[in-house]
Amino acid sequence: MRGFLRDELKSTNKGATDVIFLDRDGVISRKMPLHCHVLSPDEFEVLPDVYEALRLIIESGYITLVITNQRCLALGTLDDDGFSRINDKMVSELTTHGVYVDGLYYCPHGNDEGCGCRKPEPGLLEEASYDLGRLGITIDRSRSWMIGDDETDIIAGKRFGVNTVKIGDDVPDLLAAVRMITGTR
C-alpha cells in the first residue's frame, strides 16, 4: 500500500459506508506554483476553513481519504522520508485542531509512466476500496464523493463511480464543497 489507513478504522461499523476522497494540494493544503512541489514540512500550509470542513465531514459520518499524485517522488526532488515528514506534519496539524483524515493514498509516478494509480486513473481509489473491503467496509459509491481542484481528480472520481466536486469558481474551497454535500451552512 502506498499510504496509510488509521488504526481506528478496524473498529468502524462494517458494511456499506460513505467516503469522501480529497485531493491534497489545492484542497487541503496550499498548492505550489506550476511545476513546483511541496518539498518540506515548512512549505506545507493547511488552507483556511479546512479544519471546519473536516469537522463537518467527521460529524456527518463519512470516512475521509486523501488521494494525491506526487510526481516529485518520480522526479527525485523529494524522497520517501521527506514525503513522510510532510504527511506527518499534515496529520499533526489536523490532530492539533481536533480533526483527522482516515487515510492517505499517493501515486509516486511521473506523468509519462503509464501507471494505473496516477489520477486521472482510478487506481488509488480502487486500492483504498480494496483495503477498506479487507476491513469489512464497502464503499457506497452512489453516496460517496471525490473533491479536487484539477480535472484529473474529477475524471478519477467519475471513473471510480463516485460523485464529484471541483474546487474552482462555483465552489471556492473545501468548506463550500462539504457544505454542499452535507446540506449544512
Protein backbone atom coordinates (compact mmCIF):
# COMPACT_ATOMS: atom_id res chain seq x y z
CA MET A 1 0.00 0.00 0.00
CA ARG A 2 1.25 3.49 -0.86
CA GLY A 3 -0.13 5.36 2.11
CA PHE A 4 -1.90 4.62 5.38
CA LEU A 5 -5.25 3.93 6.99
CA ARG A 6 -5.99 4.95 10.58
CA ASP A 7 -5.99 2.01 13.01
CA GLU A 8 -9.36 3.21 14.32
CA LEU A 9 -10.99 2.10 11.05
CA LYS A 10 -10.54 -1.51 12.20
CA SER A 11 -13.27 -0.93 14.79
CA THR A 12 -15.58 1.01 12.43
CA ASN A 13 -19.05 -0.35 11.83
CA LYS A 14 -18.85 -2.80 8.97
CA GLY A 15 -20.97 -2.68 5.84
CA ALA A 16 -21.70 0.00 3.26
CA THR A 17 -20.21 3.35 4.09
CA ASP A 18 -19.98 6.81 2.54
CA VAL A 19 -16.50 8.08 1.71
CA ILE A 20 -15.18 11.49 0.76
CA PHE A 21 -11.95 11.33 -1.23
CA LEU A 22 -9.91 14.53 -1.13
CA ASP A 23 -7.03 15.70 -3.27
CA ARG A 24 -4.27 17.13 -1.07
CA ASP A 25 -2.56 20.04 -2.82
CA GLY A 26 -5.08 22.77 -3.61
CA VAL A 27 -7.85 21.23 -1.48
CA ILE A 28 -6.32 20.58 1.95
CA SER A 29 -3.08 22.50 1.53
CA ARG A 30 -1.84 25.48 -0.43
CA LYS A 31 -0.88 24.49 -3.95
CA MET A 32 2.58 25.45 -5.12
CA PRO A 33 3.08 27.37 -8.39
CA LEU A 34 3.03 25.38 -11.64
CA HIS A 35 5.86 22.82 -11.89
CA CYS A 36 6.75 23.30 -8.22
CA HIS A 37 6.03 20.88 -5.39
CA VAL A 38 5.83 20.93 -1.60
CA LEU A 39 9.30 19.66 -0.74
CA SER A 40 9.49 20.16 3.02
CA PRO A 41 7.18 20.32 6.03
CA ASP A 42 7.88 24.07 6.22
CA GLU A 43 6.27 24.52 2.79
CA PHE A 44 3.12 22.59 3.76
CA GLU A 45 0.34 25.03 4.70
CA VAL A 46 -3.21 23.97 5.54
CA LEU A 47 -5.76 26.15 3.76
CA PRO A 48 -8.27 28.31 5.69
CA ASP A 49 -11.52 26.56 6.70
CA VAL A 50 -10.09 23.04 6.17
CA TYR A 51 -10.42 22.25 9.87
CA GLU A 52 -14.09 23.27 9.87
CA ALA A 53 -14.69 21.31 6.66
CA LEU A 54 -13.12 18.17 8.12
CA ARG A 55 -15.15 18.62 11.30
CA LEU A 56 -18.35 18.65 9.20
CA ILE A 57 -17.21 15.56 7.28
CA ILE A 58 -16.50 13.68 10.52
CA GLU A 59 -19.80 14.76 12.13
CA SER A 60 -21.64 13.59 9.00
CA GLY A 61 -20.16 10.10 9.35
CA TYR A 62 -18.04 9.97 6.23
CA ILE A 63 -14.71 8.17 6.00
CA THR A 64 -12.20 10.68 4.63
CA LEU A 65 -9.32 9.57 2.40
CA VAL A 66 -6.68 11.75 0.76
CA ILE A 67 -5.83 10.74 -2.83
CA THR A 68 -2.79 12.55 -4.22
CA ASN A 69 -0.39 12.43 -7.16
CA GLN A 70 3.18 13.07 -6.02
CA ARG A 71 5.27 13.34 -9.17
CA CYS A 72 8.08 14.91 -7.13
CA LEU A 73 8.95 11.40 -5.91
CA ALA A 74 9.47 10.19 -9.51
CA LEU A 75 11.49 13.29 -10.34
CA GLY A 76 13.75 12.72 -7.34
CA THR A 77 13.13 16.21 -5.94
CA LEU A 78 11.63 14.57 -2.84
CA ASP A 79 12.42 11.20 -1.27
CA ASP A 80 10.14 8.87 0.70
CA ASP A 81 11.43 10.17 4.04
CA GLY A 82 10.73 13.79 3.08
CA PHE A 83 7.26 12.85 1.85
CA SER A 84 6.57 11.05 5.14
CA ARG A 85 7.67 14.11 7.13
CA ILE A 86 5.26 16.30 5.13
CA ASN A 87 2.41 13.86 5.78
CA ASP A 88 3.35 13.69 9.46
CA LYS A 89 3.06 17.48 9.63
CA MET A 90 -0.37 17.34 7.98
CA VAL A 91 -1.59 14.69 10.43
CA SER A 92 -0.14 16.61 13.38
CA GLU A 93 -1.74 19.91 12.36
CA LEU A 94 -5.11 18.26 11.80
CA THR A 95 -4.90 16.43 15.14
CA THR A 96 -3.96 19.66 16.94
CA HIS A 97 -7.22 21.14 15.64
CA GLY A 98 -9.28 18.10 16.68
CA VAL A 99 -9.82 16.64 13.19
CA TYR A 100 -8.27 13.90 11.08
CA VAL A 101 -8.29 12.08 7.78
CA ASP A 102 -8.82 8.32 7.85
CA GLY A 103 -6.13 7.57 5.32
CA LEU A 104 -3.88 8.75 2.54
CA TYR A 105 -3.00 7.12 -0.78
CA TYR A 106 -0.43 8.53 -3.16
CA CYS A 107 0.97 7.90 -6.63
CA PRO A 108 4.77 8.25 -6.74
CA HIS A 109 4.97 8.00 -10.54
CA GLY A 110 5.66 10.57 -13.24
CA ASN A 111 3.27 11.79 -15.90
CA ASP A 112 4.64 9.51 -18.60
CA GLU A 113 5.00 6.25 -16.65
CA GLY A 114 1.56 4.94 -17.64
CA CYS A 115 0.66 3.59 -14.21
CA GLY A 116 -2.91 2.86 -13.16
CA CYS A 117 -2.67 4.77 -9.90
CA ARG A 118 -1.91 8.26 -11.21
CA LYS A 119 -5.05 10.36 -11.47
CA PRO A 120 -6.98 10.58 -13.79
CA GLU A 121 -6.81 6.79 -13.49
CA PRO A 122 -8.88 5.48 -10.54
CA GLY A 123 -6.20 3.10 -9.21
CA LEU A 124 -5.70 4.84 -5.86
CA LEU A 125 -9.45 4.88 -5.20
CA GLU A 126 -9.61 1.20 -6.15
CA GLU A 127 -6.71 0.44 -3.80
CA ALA A 128 -8.47 2.27 -0.97
CA SER A 129 -11.68 0.37 -1.72
CA TYR A 130 -9.79 -2.93 -1.60
CA ASP A 131 -8.12 -2.05 1.71
CA LEU A 132 -11.42 -0.97 3.26
CA GLY A 133 -13.02 -4.16 1.97
CA ARG A 134 -10.40 -6.18 3.84
CA LEU A 135 -11.71 -4.45 6.98
CA GLY A 136 -15.30 -5.37 6.09
CA ILE A 137 -16.14 -1.84 4.88
CA THR A 138 -17.79 -1.40 1.48
CA ILE A 139 -17.84 2.00 -0.21
CA ASP A 140 -21.34 3.10 -1.17
CA ARG A 141 -20.29 4.73 -4.43
CA SER A 142 -23.69 6.34 -5.03
CA ARG A 143 -23.29 8.34 -1.79
CA SER A 144 -19.53 8.94 -1.94
CA TRP A 145 -17.57 11.87 -3.35
CA MET A 146 -14.25 12.93 -4.86
CA ILE A 147 -13.32 16.56 -4.20
CA GLY A 148 -10.45 18.02 -6.19
CA ASP A 149 -9.15 21.18 -7.78
CA ASP A 150 -7.98 19.65 -11.05
CA GLU A 151 -9.79 17.92 -13.88
CA THR A 152 -7.70 14.78 -13.25
CA ASP A 153 -9.32 14.49 -9.79
CA ILE A 154 -12.79 14.73 -11.29
CA ILE A 155 -12.07 12.19 -14.03
CA ALA A 156 -10.65 9.71 -11.48
CA GLY A 157 -13.75 10.09 -9.33
CA LYS A 158 -16.07 9.57 -12.28
CA ARG A 159 -14.11 6.53 -13.48
CA PHE A 160 -14.42 5.06 -9.99
CA GLY A 161 -18.16 5.76 -9.99
CA VAL A 162 -18.50 8.37 -7.24
CA ASN A 163 -19.97 11.88 -7.28
CA THR A 164 -17.50 14.72 -7.88
CA VAL A 165 -16.99 18.34 -6.90
CA LYS A 166 -14.34 20.55 -8.46
CA ILE A 167 -12.94 23.38 -6.36
CA GLY A 168 -12.90 26.48 -8.52
CA ASP A 169 -15.15 29.36 -9.49
CA ASP A 170 -18.52 27.89 -8.45
CA VAL A 171 -17.21 26.06 -5.38
CA PRO A 172 -14.42 28.22 -3.93
CA ASP A 173 -12.99 25.87 -1.29
CA LEU A 174 -13.31 22.62 0.63
CA LEU A 175 -15.71 24.05 3.18
CA ALA A 176 -18.13 25.18 0.45
CA ALA A 177 -17.92 21.73 -1.16
CA VAL A 178 -18.58 19.94 2.12
CA ARG A 179 -21.49 22.23 2.97
CA MET A 180 -23.00 21.45 -0.43
CA ILE A 181 -22.55 17.69 0.07
CA THR A 182 -23.83 17.59 3.64
CA GLY A 183 -26.55 20.22 3.22
CA THR A 184 -25.17 22.34 6.07
CA ARG A 185 -24.50 26.04 6.24
